[in-house]
Amino acid sequence: MAGAVGIYAGAAVAEIAGCFAFWAWLRLGKSMLWIGPGVASLMLFAWLLTRVDAAFAGRAFAAYGGVYIAASLVWMWAVEGTRPDRWDLIGGTACLLGAAVILLGPRSA
């Protein structure tokens, strides 16, 4: 479980950074040179998700979704300077709880 948390956290940072590179180029008027690091970051994200110990890709991706949502709120605060409000925090918590259920729920073979 601890390994999955670290992998998911790294994947979230890589995905958000990669997507933000495109956002910066297309929405903030930054240089096209942002695309190269963005693509590399998205490739790292995809590779990291293959490191999660899960029998099915869909389950690994579904659990990651909750982590991604919470990490996006942290990114909004840390990088974009906008503090999440209580609804962001409630929603992010609900998503993390859902991710935990998917990742840790008992499975029958």
N, C-alpha and C. Protein backbone atom coordinates (compact mmCIF):
# COMPACT_ATOMS: atom_id res chain seq x y z
N MET A 1 0.81 -1.20 0.00
CA MET A 1 0.00 0.00 0.00
C MET A 1 0.86 1.26 0.00
N ALA A 2 1.89 1.32 0.85
CA ALA A 2 2.74 2.50 0.93
C ALA A 2 3.42 2.76 -0.41
N GLY A 3 3.82 1.70 -1.08
CA GLY A 3 4.44 1.86 -2.40
C GLY A 3 3.48 2.45 -3.41
N ALA A 4 2.23 2.00 -3.37
CA ALA A 4 1.22 2.51 -4.30
C ALA A 4 0.97 3.99 -4.06
N VAL A 5 0.94 4.41 -2.80
CA VAL A 5 0.70 5.82 -2.48
C VAL A 5 1.81 6.69 -3.09
N GLY A 6 3.05 6.26 -2.93
CA GLY A 6 4.17 7.01 -3.51
C GLY A 6 4.13 7.05 -5.02
N ILE A 7 3.80 5.91 -5.63
CA ILE A 7 3.70 5.86 -7.08
C ILE A 7 2.58 6.77 -7.57
N TYR A 8 1.42 6.69 -6.92
CA TYR A 8 0.30 7.54 -7.31
C TYR A 8 0.64 9.02 -7.14
N ALA A 9 1.31 9.36 -6.07
CA ALA A 9 1.69 10.76 -5.85
C ALA A 9 2.65 11.24 -6.95
N GLY A 10 3.63 10.41 -7.27
CA GLY A 10 4.56 10.78 -8.35
C GLY A 10 3.86 10.88 -9.69
N ALA A 11 2.94 9.95 -9.95
CA ALA A 11 2.19 9.99 -11.20
C ALA A 11 1.34 11.25 -11.28
N ALA A 12 0.73 11.63 -10.17
CA ALA A 12 -0.11 12.83 -10.17
C ALA A 12 0.71 14.08 -10.46
N VAL A 13 1.86 14.20 -9.83
CA VAL A 13 2.72 15.36 -10.09
C VAL A 13 3.15 15.38 -11.56
N ALA A 14 3.54 14.22 -12.08
CA ALA A 14 3.97 14.15 -13.47
C ALA A 14 2.84 14.50 -14.44
N GLU A 15 1.65 13.97 -14.18
CA GLU A 15 0.53 14.25 -15.08
C GLU A 15 0.11 15.72 -15.01
N ILE A 16 -0.01 16.24 -13.82
CA ILE A 16 -0.44 17.62 -13.68
C ILE A 16 0.60 18.57 -14.27
N ALA A 17 1.86 18.31 -14.03
CA ALA A 17 2.92 19.16 -14.60
C ALA A 17 2.89 19.10 -16.13
N GLY A 18 2.70 17.90 -16.68
CA GLY A 18 2.64 17.76 -18.13
C GLY A 18 1.45 18.49 -18.72
N CYS A 19 0.31 18.34 -18.11
CA CYS A 19 -0.89 19.04 -18.60
C CYS A 19 -0.75 20.55 -18.41
N PHE A 20 -0.14 20.97 -17.30
CA PHE A 20 0.03 22.40 -17.06
C PHE A 20 0.97 23.01 -18.10
N ALA A 21 1.93 22.25 -18.58
CA ALA A 21 2.82 22.78 -19.62
C ALA A 21 2.02 23.17 -20.86
N PHE A 22 1.07 22.33 -21.23
CA PHE A 22 0.21 22.66 -22.37
C PHE A 22 -0.71 23.84 -22.04
N TRP A 23 -1.23 23.87 -20.82
CA TRP A 23 -2.07 24.98 -20.37
C TRP A 23 -1.28 26.29 -20.46
N ALA A 24 -0.04 26.25 -19.98
CA ALA A 24 0.80 27.45 -20.01
C ALA A 24 1.02 27.93 -21.44
N TRP A 25 1.27 27.01 -22.34
CA TRP A 25 1.50 27.37 -23.74
C TRP A 25 0.22 27.92 -24.38
N LEU A 26 -0.88 27.17 -24.25
CA LEU A 26 -2.11 27.52 -24.97
C LEU A 26 -2.97 28.58 -24.28
N ARG A 27 -2.91 28.65 -22.97
CA ARG A 27 -3.79 29.58 -22.26
C ARG A 27 -3.06 30.76 -21.64
N LEU A 28 -1.79 30.60 -21.34
CA LEU A 28 -1.04 31.67 -20.68
C LEU A 28 -0.04 32.35 -21.60
N GLY A 29 0.00 31.91 -22.86
CA GLY A 29 0.89 32.55 -23.83
C GLY A 29 2.37 32.26 -23.65
N LYS A 30 2.70 31.16 -22.98
CA LYS A 30 4.11 30.79 -22.81
C LYS A 30 4.66 30.22 -24.11
N SER A 31 5.96 30.07 -24.18
CA SER A 31 6.64 29.57 -25.37
C SER A 31 6.25 28.12 -25.69
N MET A 32 6.32 27.77 -26.97
CA MET A 32 6.10 26.38 -27.39
C MET A 32 7.13 25.44 -26.77
N LEU A 33 8.22 25.98 -26.29
CA LEU A 33 9.26 25.16 -25.67
C LEU A 33 8.76 24.46 -24.41
N TRP A 34 7.63 24.88 -23.89
CA TRP A 34 7.02 24.20 -22.74
C TRP A 34 6.52 22.81 -23.13
N ILE A 35 6.27 22.57 -24.41
CA ILE A 35 5.68 21.31 -24.85
C ILE A 35 6.62 20.13 -24.61
N GLY A 36 7.90 20.29 -24.90
CA GLY A 36 8.86 19.18 -24.73
C GLY A 36 8.87 18.62 -23.31
N PRO A 37 9.12 19.45 -22.31
CA PRO A 37 9.07 18.94 -20.94
C PRO A 37 7.68 18.41 -20.57
N GLY A 38 6.64 19.02 -21.12
CA GLY A 38 5.29 18.55 -20.85
C GLY A 38 5.08 17.13 -21.35
N VAL A 39 5.53 16.86 -22.57
CA VAL A 39 5.39 15.51 -23.13
C VAL A 39 6.22 14.52 -22.31
N ALA A 40 7.44 14.89 -21.95
CA ALA A 40 8.28 14.01 -21.14
C ALA A 40 7.62 13.71 -19.79
N SER A 41 7.00 14.72 -19.20
CA SER A 41 6.32 14.53 -17.92
C SER A 41 5.13 13.59 -18.07
N LEU A 42 4.38 13.72 -19.16
CA LEU A 42 3.24 12.83 -19.39
C LEU A 42 3.70 11.39 -19.65
N MET A 43 4.84 11.23 -20.29
CA MET A 43 5.39 9.88 -20.49
C MET A 43 5.79 9.27 -19.15
N LEU A 44 6.39 10.06 -18.27
CA LEU A 44 6.74 9.58 -16.93
C LEU A 44 5.48 9.18 -16.17
N PHE A 45 4.45 9.97 -16.27
CA PHE A 45 3.17 9.65 -15.64
C PHE A 45 2.67 8.27 -16.08
N ALA A 46 2.64 8.04 -17.39
CA ALA A 46 2.13 6.77 -17.91
C ALA A 46 3.00 5.61 -17.42
N TRP A 47 4.30 5.79 -17.41
CA TRP A 47 5.20 4.73 -16.95
C TRP A 47 4.96 4.44 -15.47
N LEU A 48 4.81 5.50 -14.67
CA LEU A 48 4.60 5.29 -13.23
C LEU A 48 3.33 4.49 -12.95
N LEU A 49 2.26 4.74 -13.70
CA LEU A 49 1.03 3.99 -13.45
C LEU A 49 1.21 2.50 -13.72
N THR A 50 2.14 2.13 -14.59
CA THR A 50 2.38 0.70 -14.82
C THR A 50 3.12 0.05 -13.66
N ARG A 51 3.64 0.84 -12.74
CA ARG A 51 4.39 0.31 -11.59
C ARG A 51 3.48 -0.06 -10.43
N VAL A 52 2.22 0.33 -10.47
CA VAL A 52 1.28 0.00 -9.38
C VAL A 52 0.99 -1.49 -9.41
N ASP A 53 1.04 -2.12 -8.24
CA ASP A 53 0.77 -3.54 -8.14
C ASP A 53 -0.74 -3.78 -8.12
N ALA A 54 -1.30 -3.94 -9.30
CA ALA A 54 -2.74 -4.19 -9.43
C ALA A 54 -2.93 -5.21 -10.54
N ALA A 55 -3.92 -6.07 -10.35
CA ALA A 55 -4.18 -7.12 -11.34
C ALA A 55 -4.79 -6.56 -12.63
N PHE A 56 -5.48 -5.43 -12.53
CA PHE A 56 -6.17 -4.87 -13.68
C PHE A 56 -5.84 -3.39 -13.83
N ALA A 57 -5.54 -2.98 -15.04
CA ALA A 57 -5.22 -1.58 -15.31
C ALA A 57 -6.37 -0.67 -14.92
N GLY A 58 -7.59 -1.07 -15.25
CA GLY A 58 -8.74 -0.23 -14.95
C GLY A 58 -8.87 0.07 -13.47
N ARG A 59 -8.60 -0.91 -12.63
CA ARG A 59 -8.68 -0.69 -11.18
C ARG A 59 -7.57 0.26 -10.72
N ALA A 60 -6.38 0.08 -11.25
CA ALA A 60 -5.27 0.97 -10.90
C ALA A 60 -5.59 2.40 -11.34
N PHE A 61 -6.16 2.56 -12.54
CA PHE A 61 -6.50 3.88 -13.05
C PHE A 61 -7.63 4.51 -12.24
N ALA A 62 -8.63 3.71 -11.87
CA ALA A 62 -9.76 4.23 -11.10
C ALA A 62 -9.31 4.74 -9.74
N ALA A 63 -8.47 3.97 -9.06
CA ALA A 63 -7.96 4.41 -7.76
C ALA A 63 -7.11 5.66 -7.91
N TYR A 64 -6.35 5.72 -8.99
CA TYR A 64 -5.51 6.90 -9.25
C TYR A 64 -6.36 8.16 -9.41
N GLY A 65 -7.55 8.02 -9.96
CA GLY A 65 -8.41 9.17 -10.20
C GLY A 65 -8.64 10.01 -8.96
N GLY A 66 -8.86 9.37 -7.83
CA GLY A 66 -9.06 10.11 -6.58
C GLY A 66 -7.81 10.85 -6.15
N VAL A 67 -6.67 10.22 -6.33
CA VAL A 67 -5.39 10.85 -5.99
C VAL A 67 -5.17 12.06 -6.90
N TYR A 68 -5.47 11.89 -8.19
CA TYR A 68 -5.30 12.98 -9.15
C TYR A 68 -6.12 14.20 -8.75
N ILE A 69 -7.36 13.98 -8.35
CA ILE A 69 -8.23 15.10 -7.98
C ILE A 69 -7.66 15.84 -6.77
N ALA A 70 -7.26 15.11 -5.75
CA ALA A 70 -6.69 15.75 -4.56
C ALA A 70 -5.38 16.47 -4.89
N ALA A 71 -4.54 15.84 -5.70
CA ALA A 71 -3.27 16.46 -6.09
C ALA A 71 -3.50 17.72 -6.92
N SER A 72 -4.55 17.73 -7.73
CA SER A 72 -4.87 18.92 -8.53
C SER A 72 -5.22 20.10 -7.63
N LEU A 73 -5.90 19.83 -6.53
CA LEU A 73 -6.23 20.90 -5.59
C LEU A 73 -4.98 21.42 -4.89
N VAL A 74 -4.05 20.52 -4.57
CA VAL A 74 -2.78 20.94 -3.98
C VAL A 74 -2.00 21.80 -4.99
N TRP A 75 -1.98 21.36 -6.25
CA TRP A 75 -1.32 22.12 -7.32
C TRP A 75 -1.91 23.53 -7.43
N MET A 76 -3.25 23.61 -7.41
CA MET A 76 -3.93 24.90 -7.52
C MET A 76 -3.45 25.84 -6.42
N TRP A 77 -3.26 25.30 -5.23
CA TRP A 77 -2.83 26.11 -4.10
C TRP A 77 -1.34 26.43 -4.20
N ALA A 78 -0.50 25.42 -4.42
CA ALA A 78 0.95 25.60 -4.38
C ALA A 78 1.50 26.33 -5.59
N VAL A 79 0.98 26.05 -6.77
CA VAL A 79 1.55 26.61 -8.01
C VAL A 79 0.75 27.82 -8.50
N GLU A 80 -0.56 27.72 -8.43
CA GLU A 80 -1.39 28.79 -8.98
C GLU A 80 -1.82 29.83 -7.95
N GLY A 81 -1.53 29.55 -6.68
CA GLY A 81 -1.77 30.53 -5.63
C GLY A 81 -3.22 30.71 -5.22
N THR A 82 -4.08 29.75 -5.53
CA THR A 82 -5.47 29.83 -5.13
C THR A 82 -5.77 28.75 -4.10
N ARG A 83 -6.14 29.16 -2.93
CA ARG A 83 -6.40 28.22 -1.84
C ARG A 83 -7.72 27.49 -2.06
N PRO A 84 -7.73 26.17 -1.92
CA PRO A 84 -8.98 25.42 -2.06
C PRO A 84 -9.99 25.86 -1.00
N ASP A 85 -11.26 25.92 -1.39
CA ASP A 85 -12.29 26.27 -0.42
C ASP A 85 -12.83 24.99 0.23
N ARG A 86 -13.78 25.14 1.12
CA ARG A 86 -14.27 23.97 1.85
C ARG A 86 -14.90 22.94 0.93
N TRP A 87 -15.53 23.37 -0.16
CA TRP A 87 -16.14 22.42 -1.09
C TRP A 87 -15.08 21.64 -1.85
N ASP A 88 -13.99 22.32 -2.18
CA ASP A 88 -12.86 21.60 -2.79
C ASP A 88 -12.34 20.54 -1.84
N LEU A 89 -12.18 20.90 -0.58
CA LEU A 89 -11.64 19.96 0.42
C LEU A 89 -12.60 18.80 0.68
N ILE A 90 -13.88 19.09 0.76
CA ILE A 90 -14.86 18.01 0.95
C ILE A 90 -14.85 17.07 -0.25
N GLY A 91 -14.87 17.63 -1.44
CA GLY A 91 -14.84 16.80 -2.65
C GLY A 91 -13.56 16.00 -2.78
N GLY A 92 -12.42 16.63 -2.49
CA GLY A 92 -11.14 15.93 -2.56
C GLY A 92 -11.06 14.78 -1.56
N THR A 93 -11.59 15.01 -0.36
CA THR A 93 -11.61 13.95 0.66
C THR A 93 -12.49 12.79 0.21
N ALA A 94 -13.65 13.11 -0.35
CA ALA A 94 -14.55 12.06 -0.84
C ALA A 94 -13.86 11.23 -1.94
N CYS A 95 -13.13 11.89 -2.79
CA CYS A 95 -12.42 11.18 -3.87
C CYS A 95 -11.33 10.28 -3.32
N LEU A 96 -10.59 10.77 -2.32
CA LEU A 96 -9.54 9.93 -1.72
C LEU A 96 -10.15 8.73 -1.00
N LEU A 97 -11.28 8.92 -0.36
CA LEU A 97 -11.95 7.79 0.28
C LEU A 97 -12.39 6.77 -0.76
N GLY A 98 -12.92 7.24 -1.88
CA GLY A 98 -13.30 6.34 -2.97
C GLY A 98 -12.12 5.59 -3.53
N ALA A 99 -10.99 6.28 -3.68
CA ALA A 99 -9.78 5.62 -4.17
C ALA A 99 -9.33 4.54 -3.20
N ALA A 100 -9.40 4.82 -1.91
CA ALA A 100 -9.01 3.83 -0.90
C ALA A 100 -9.91 2.60 -0.95
N VAL A 101 -11.21 2.80 -1.13
CA VAL A 101 -12.13 1.67 -1.23
C VAL A 101 -11.76 0.80 -2.44
N ILE A 102 -11.50 1.44 -3.57
CA ILE A 102 -11.15 0.69 -4.78
C ILE A 102 -9.83 -0.06 -4.59
N LEU A 103 -8.84 0.61 -4.02
CA LEU A 103 -7.51 0.01 -3.88
C LEU A 103 -7.45 -1.04 -2.79
N LEU A 104 -8.15 -0.83 -1.69
CA LEU A 104 -7.99 -1.69 -0.50
C LEU A 104 -9.16 -2.64 -0.26
N GLY A 105 -10.22 -2.51 -1.04
CA GLY A 105 -11.38 -3.36 -0.83
C GLY A 105 -11.06 -4.83 -0.95
N PRO A 106 -11.70 -5.67 -0.13
CA PRO A 106 -11.43 -7.11 -0.20
C PRO A 106 -11.91 -7.67 -1.54
N ARG A 107 -11.11 -8.51 -2.12
CA ARG A 107 -11.41 -9.12 -3.41
C ARG A 107 -11.59 -10.62 -3.25
N SER A 108 -12.53 -11.16 -3.98
CA SER A 108 -12.69 -12.62 -3.98
C SER A 108 -12.00 -13.15 -5.22
N ALA A 109 -10.83 -13.67 -4.99
CA ALA A 109 -9.96 -14.25 -6.04
C ALA A 109 -9.99 -13.47 -7.24
